[in-house]
């Protein structure tokens, strides 16, 4: 038998939030810093050195928050029967989210299947690893319902044809039948 391996990086599209949030947060910070630096001078206090340092610190903090919140990627990797999801923040920090065996999945299938809503209610939490914040119900989006460590959770991901043989090999009864 041949070794099965699949890996894919999915960059999260922030949509309008990725444009609006930095602009509004930057404008709010700019207005705050204008008052924060001008009012002490108008009152006769010469503390521009301290307010300037604090201002630069707040600007850097806003920059880091925007980068960490808006630059998110997910890495899906399947090696034999191991399914692993890693969250990559700002292309620097890797955070392991879940790792499970495909054999432990109760069901693997499309979000358009009849089971999806029922499984979503049964799951303790759902992990969205798609490129959209709110995924559309389509045949291109699949999910895996996993029971592990006394909890049920759902991993929602973007399906590719290369994944199907791996799912069928290690969990033939729990994988949705797929017409090619």
C-alpha atoms as a PDB file:
ATOM      1  CA  UNK A   1       0.000   0.000   0.000  1.00  0.00           C
ATOM      2  CA  UNK A   2       1.127   3.516  -0.721  1.00  0.00           C
ATOM      3  CA  UNK A   3       1.498   6.205   1.919  1.00  0.00           C
ATOM      4  CA  UNK A   4      -1.232   8.800   1.861  1.00  0.00           C
ATOM      5  CA  UNK A   5      -0.420  12.447   2.488  1.00  0.00           C
ATOM      6  CA  UNK A   6      -2.339  15.666   1.940  1.00  0.00           C
ATOM      7  CA  UNK A   7      -1.503  19.209   3.039  1.00  0.00           C
ATOM      8  CA  UNK A   8      -3.196  22.512   2.328  1.00  0.00           C
ATOM      9  CA  UNK A   9      -2.871  26.070   3.620  1.00  0.00           C
ATOM     10  CA  UNK A  10      -6.055  28.107   3.763  1.00  0.00           C
ATOM     11  CA  UNK A  11      -5.767  31.855   4.133  1.00  0.00           C
ATOM     12  CA  UNK A  12      -8.712  33.410   5.975  1.00  0.00           C
ATOM     13  CA  UNK A  13     -10.415  36.126   3.955  1.00  0.00           C
ATOM     14  CA  UNK A  14     -11.519  38.777   6.433  1.00  0.00           C
ATOM     15  CA  UNK A  15     -13.851  40.508   3.978  1.00  0.00           C
ATOM     16  CA  UNK A  16     -14.993  43.993   4.916  1.00  0.00           C
ATOM     17  CA  UNK A  17     -13.790  43.518   8.509  1.00  0.00           C
ATOM     18  CA  UNK A  18     -10.204  43.439   7.239  1.00  0.00           C
ATOM     19  CA  UNK A  19     -10.647  46.893   5.719  1.00  0.00           C
ATOM     20  CA  UNK A  20     -13.012  48.626   8.139  1.00  0.00           C
ATOM     21  CA  UNK A  21     -11.490  47.565  11.474  1.00  0.00           C
ATOM     22  CA  UNK A  22      -7.952  48.943  10.925  1.00  0.00           C
ATOM     23  CA  UNK A  23      -9.298  52.219   9.489  1.00  0.00           C
ATOM     24  CA  UNK A  24     -11.781  52.850  12.307  1.00  0.00           C
ATOM     25  CA  UNK A  25      -9.359  51.748  15.013  1.00  0.00           C
ATOM     26  CA  UNK A  26      -6.627  53.960  13.511  1.00  0.00           C
ATOM     27  CA  UNK A  27      -8.923  56.986  13.353  1.00  0.00           C
ATOM     28  CA  UNK A  28     -10.117  56.452  16.925  1.00  0.00           C
ATOM     29  CA  UNK A  29      -6.519  56.141  18.123  1.00  0.00           C
ATOM     30  CA  UNK A  30      -5.490  59.249  16.165  1.00  0.00           C
ATOM     31  CA  UNK A  31      -8.264  61.325  17.764  1.00  0.00           C
ATOM     32  CA  UNK A  32      -7.410  59.981  21.217  1.00  0.00           C
ATOM     33  CA  UNK A  33      -3.704  60.683  20.773  1.00  0.00           C
ATOM     34  CA  UNK A  34      -4.389  64.216  19.554  1.00  0.00           C
ATOM     35  CA  UNK A  35      -6.250  64.979  22.781  1.00  0.00           C
ATOM     36  CA  UNK A  36      -3.791  62.992  24.887  1.00  0.00           C
ATOM     37  CA  UNK A  37      -0.804  64.985  23.589  1.00  0.00           C
ATOM     38  CA  UNK A  38      -2.373  68.454  23.168  1.00  0.00           C
ATOM     39  CA  UNK A  39      -4.331  68.858  26.423  1.00  0.00           C
ATOM     40  CA  UNK A  40      -1.247  68.638  28.727  1.00  0.00           C
ATOM     41  CA  UNK A  41       0.498  71.275  26.605  1.00  0.00           C
ATOM     42  CA  UNK A  42      -2.537  73.580  26.753  1.00  0.00           C
ATOM     43  CA  UNK A  43      -2.655  73.177  30.528  1.00  0.00           C
ATOM     44  CA  UNK A  44       0.995  74.198  30.796  1.00  0.00           C
ATOM     45  CA  UNK A  45       2.534  70.809  31.509  1.00  0.00           C
ATOM     46  CA  UNK A  46       5.628  69.986  29.506  1.00  0.00           C
ATOM     47  CA  UNK A  47       5.303  66.197  29.470  1.00  0.00           C
ATOM     48  CA  UNK A  48       5.395  65.634  25.724  1.00  0.00           C
ATOM     49  CA  UNK A  49       8.239  63.155  26.194  1.00  0.00           C
ATOM     50  CA  UNK A  50       6.057  60.855  28.306  1.00  0.00           C
ATOM     51  CA  UNK A  51       2.901  61.281  26.243  1.00  0.00           C
ATOM     52  CA  UNK A  52       4.927  60.744  23.071  1.00  0.00           C
ATOM     53  CA  UNK A  53       6.349  57.465  24.395  1.00  0.00           C
ATOM     54  CA  UNK A  54       2.894  56.291  25.410  1.00  0.00           C
ATOM     55  CA  UNK A  55       1.556  57.350  21.987  1.00  0.00           C
ATOM     56  CA  UNK A  56       4.171  55.305  20.129  1.00  0.00           C
ATOM     57  CA  UNK A  57       3.434  52.349  22.393  1.00  0.00           C
ATOM     58  CA  UNK A  58      -0.301  52.546  21.645  1.00  0.00           C
ATOM     59  CA  UNK A  59       0.348  52.843  17.898  1.00  0.00           C
ATOM     60  CA  UNK A  60       2.557  49.734  18.010  1.00  0.00           C
ATOM     61  CA  UNK A  61      -0.049  47.887  20.081  1.00  0.00           C
ATOM     62  CA  UNK A  62      -2.751  48.686  17.498  1.00  0.00           C
ATOM     63  CA  UNK A  63      -0.419  47.525  14.717  1.00  0.00           C
ATOM     64  CA  UNK A  64       0.203  44.185  16.470  1.00  0.00           C
ATOM     65  CA  UNK A  65      -3.496  43.644  17.207  1.00  0.00           C
ATOM     66  CA  UNK A  66      -4.423  44.287  13.571  1.00  0.00           C
ATOM     67  CA  UNK A  67      -1.726  41.907  12.338  1.00  0.00           C
ATOM     68  CA  UNK A  68      -2.597  39.113  14.789  1.00  0.00           C
ATOM     69  CA  UNK A  69      -6.353  39.315  14.322  1.00  0.00           C
ATOM     70  CA  UNK A  70      -6.457  39.803  10.563  1.00  0.00           C
ATOM     71  CA  UNK A  71      -3.544  37.675   9.273  1.00  0.00           C
ATOM     72  CA  UNK A  72      -4.793  34.155   9.984  1.00  0.00           C
ATOM     73  CA  UNK A  73      -4.153  30.961   8.029  1.00  0.00           C
ATOM     74  CA  UNK A  74      -5.052  27.351   8.668  1.00  0.00           C
ATOM     75  CA  UNK A  75      -2.958  24.363   7.693  1.00  0.00           C
ATOM     76  CA  UNK A  76      -4.777  21.081   7.154  1.00  0.00           C
ATOM     77  CA  UNK A  77      -2.628  17.992   6.907  1.00  0.00           C
ATOM     78  CA  UNK A  78      -3.641  14.385   6.580  1.00  0.00           C
ATOM     79  CA  UNK A  79      -0.967  11.732   7.037  1.00  0.00           C
ATOM     80  CA  UNK A  80      -2.263   8.186   6.808  1.00  0.00           C
ATOM     81  CA  UNK A  81      -5.203   8.298   9.269  1.00  0.00           C
ATOM     82  CA  UNK A  82      -4.057  11.373  11.224  1.00  0.00           C
ATOM     83  CA  UNK A  83      -5.924  14.630  10.554  1.00  0.00           C
ATOM     84  CA  UNK A  84      -4.227  17.733  11.952  1.00  0.00           C
ATOM     85  CA  UNK A  85      -5.294  21.390  11.953  1.00  0.00           C
ATOM     86  CA  UNK A  86      -2.806  24.151  12.766  1.00  0.00           C
ATOM     87  CA  UNK A  87      -3.611  27.862  13.060  1.00  0.00           C
ATOM     88  CA  UNK A  88      -0.880  30.169  11.734  1.00  0.00           C
ATOM     89  CA  UNK A  89      -1.027  33.740  13.031  1.00  0.00           C
ATOM     90  CA  UNK A  90       0.791  36.474  11.105  1.00  0.00           C
ATOM     91  CA  UNK A  91       2.876  33.838   9.247  1.00  0.00           C
ATOM     92  CA  UNK A  92       5.020  33.436  12.394  1.00  0.00           C
ATOM     93  CA  UNK A  93       3.201  31.788  15.255  1.00  0.00           C
ATOM     94  CA  UNK A  94       1.863  28.229  14.881  1.00  0.00           C
ATOM     95  CA  UNK A  95      -0.825  26.975  17.209  1.00  0.00           C
ATOM     96  CA  UNK A  96      -1.963  23.332  17.115  1.00  0.00           C
ATOM     97  CA  UNK A  97      -5.766  23.293  17.218  1.00  0.00           C
ATOM     98  CA  UNK A  98      -6.805  19.658  16.806  1.00  0.00           C
ATOM     99  CA  UNK A  99      -5.307  16.328  15.880  1.00  0.00           C
ATOM    100  CA  UNK A 100      -7.393  13.195  15.578  1.00  0.00           C
ATOM    101  CA  UNK A 101      -7.577   9.890  13.794  1.00  0.00           C
ATOM    102  CA  UNK A 102      -9.938   9.631  10.846  1.00  0.00           C
ATOM    103  CA  UNK A 103     -11.049   6.330  12.397  1.00  0.00           C
ATOM    104  CA  UNK A 104     -12.437   8.293  15.386  1.00  0.00           C
ATOM    105  CA  UNK A 105     -14.801  10.314  13.181  1.00  0.00           C
ATOM    106  CA  UNK A 106     -18.455   9.566  13.610  1.00  0.00           C
ATOM    107  CA  UNK A 107     -19.247  11.117  10.223  1.00  0.00           C
ATOM    108  CA  UNK A 108     -17.365  12.879   7.421  1.00  0.00           C
ATOM    109  CA  UNK A 109     -19.406  14.578   4.748  1.00  0.00           C
ATOM    110  CA  UNK A 110     -20.715  17.696   3.083  1.00  0.00           C
ATOM    111  CA  UNK A 111     -22.425  20.474   5.041  1.00  0.00           C
ATOM    112  CA  UNK A 112     -25.354  20.074   2.629  1.00  0.00           C
ATOM    113  CA  UNK A 113     -26.054  16.568   3.951  1.00  0.00           C
ATOM    114  CA  UNK A 114     -29.169  15.833   5.967  1.00  0.00           C
ATOM    115  CA  UNK A 115     -27.123  15.145   9.100  1.00  0.00           C
ATOM    116  CA  UNK A 116     -25.306  18.491   9.309  1.00  0.00           C
ATOM    117  CA  UNK A 117     -27.761  20.510  11.430  1.00  0.00           C
ATOM    118  CA  UNK A 118     -28.333  17.641  13.818  1.00  0.00           C
ATOM    119  CA  UNK A 119     -24.583  17.026  14.161  1.00  0.00           C
ATOM    120  CA  UNK A 120     -23.956  20.735  14.711  1.00  0.00           C
ATOM    121  CA  UNK A 121     -26.358  20.689  17.656  1.00  0.00           C
ATOM    122  CA  UNK A 122     -24.735  17.528  19.090  1.00  0.00           C
ATOM    123  CA  UNK A 123     -21.211  18.970  18.909  1.00  0.00           C
ATOM    124  CA  UNK A 124     -19.744  20.765  21.915  1.00  0.00           C
ATOM    125  CA  UNK A 125     -17.965  23.203  19.596  1.00  0.00           C
ATOM    126  CA  UNK A 126     -17.297  23.739  15.914  1.00  0.00           C
ATOM    127  CA  UNK A 127     -13.972  24.719  14.357  1.00  0.00           C
ATOM    128  CA  UNK A 128     -14.265  26.694  11.108  1.00  0.00           C
ATOM    129  CA  UNK A 129     -11.140  26.141   8.972  1.00  0.00           C
ATOM    130  CA  UNK A 130     -12.486  27.621   5.750  1.00  0.00           C
ATOM    131  CA  UNK A 131     -11.375  30.739   3.930  1.00  0.00           C
ATOM    132  CA  UNK A 132     -14.538  32.615   5.000  1.00  0.00           C
ATOM    133  CA  UNK A 133     -15.646  33.698   8.457  1.00  0.00           C
ATOM    134  CA  UNK A 134     -19.170  32.480   7.632  1.00  0.00           C
ATOM    135  CA  UNK A 135     -19.075  29.511   5.292  1.00  0.00           C
ATOM    136  CA  UNK A 136     -21.821  28.912   2.743  1.00  0.00           C
ATOM    137  CA  UNK A 137     -23.682  25.630   2.672  1.00  0.00           C
ATOM    138  CA  UNK A 138     -22.241  24.059  -0.466  1.00  0.00           C
ATOM    139  CA  UNK A 139     -20.843  20.716  -1.590  1.00  0.00           C
ATOM    140  CA  UNK A 140     -17.307  22.162  -1.480  1.00  0.00           C
ATOM    141  CA  UNK A 141     -17.447  22.553   2.314  1.00  0.00           C
ATOM    142  CA  UNK A 142     -17.199  19.329   4.331  1.00  0.00           C
ATOM    143  CA  UNK A 143     -17.087  18.568   8.034  1.00  0.00           C
ATOM    144  CA  UNK A 144     -15.852  15.836  10.320  1.00  0.00           C
ATOM    145  CA  UNK A 145     -17.733  15.019  13.514  1.00  0.00           C
ATOM    146  CA  UNK A 146     -15.153  13.721  15.983  1.00  0.00           C
ATOM    147  CA  UNK A 147     -15.678  12.025  19.329  1.00  0.00           C
ATOM    148  CA  UNK A 148     -12.543  12.173  21.455  1.00  0.00           C
ATOM    149  CA  UNK A 149     -11.677  12.717  25.123  1.00  0.00           C
ATOM    150  CA  UNK A 150     -15.324  12.623  26.240  1.00  0.00           C
ATOM    151  CA  UNK A 151     -16.359  15.457  23.911  1.00  0.00           C
ATOM    152  CA  UNK A 152     -17.775  15.838  20.436  1.00  0.00           C
ATOM    153  CA  UNK A 153     -16.544  18.515  18.125  1.00  0.00           C
ATOM    154  CA  UNK A 154     -16.870  19.421  14.494  1.00  0.00           C
ATOM    155  CA  UNK A 155     -14.123  20.494  12.100  1.00  0.00           C
ATOM    156  CA  UNK A 156     -15.435  22.332   9.023  1.00  0.00           C
ATOM    157  CA  UNK A 157     -13.016  22.499   6.074  1.00  0.00           C
ATOM    158  CA  UNK A 158     -12.838  23.072   2.329  1.00  0.00           C
ATOM    159  CA  UNK A 159     -13.027  19.740   0.541  1.00  0.00           C
ATOM    160  CA  UNK A 160     -10.703  18.613  -2.243  1.00  0.00           C
ATOM    161  CA  UNK A 161     -10.936  15.439  -4.315  1.00  0.00           C
ATOM    162  CA  UNK A 162      -7.554  14.212  -3.025  1.00  0.00           C
ATOM    163  CA  UNK A 163      -9.001  13.840   0.486  1.00  0.00           C
ATOM    164  CA  UNK A 164     -11.750  11.408  -0.416  1.00  0.00           C
ATOM    165  CA  UNK A 165      -9.619   8.239  -0.863  1.00  0.00           C
ATOM    166  CA  UNK A 166      -8.041   8.842   2.543  1.00  0.00           C
ATOM    167  CA  UNK A 167     -11.406   9.231   4.235  1.00  0.00           C
ATOM    168  CA  UNK A 168     -12.804   6.123   2.533  1.00  0.00           C
ATOM    169  CA  UNK A 169      -9.750   4.014   3.338  1.00  0.00           C
ATOM    170  CA  UNK A 170      -9.717   4.705   7.081  1.00  0.00           C
ATOM    171  CA  UNK A 171     -13.427   5.299   7.736  1.00  0.00           C
ATOM    172  CA  UNK A 172     -15.517   3.771   4.939  1.00  0.00           C
ATOM    173  CA  UNK A 173     -18.786   3.577   6.891  1.00  0.00           C
ATOM    174  CA  UNK A 174     -18.554   7.062   8.357  1.00  0.00           C
ATOM    175  CA  UNK A 175     -17.709   8.837   5.088  1.00  0.00           C
ATOM    176  CA  UNK A 176     -20.416  10.219   2.854  1.00  0.00           C
ATOM    177  CA  UNK A 177     -20.775   8.424  -0.445  1.00  0.00           C
ATOM    178  CA  UNK A 178     -19.414  10.611  -3.196  1.00  0.00           C
ATOM    179  CA  UNK A 179     -20.269  10.391  -6.896  1.00  0.00           C
ATOM    180  CA  UNK A 180     -17.287  11.162  -9.097  1.00  0.00           C
END
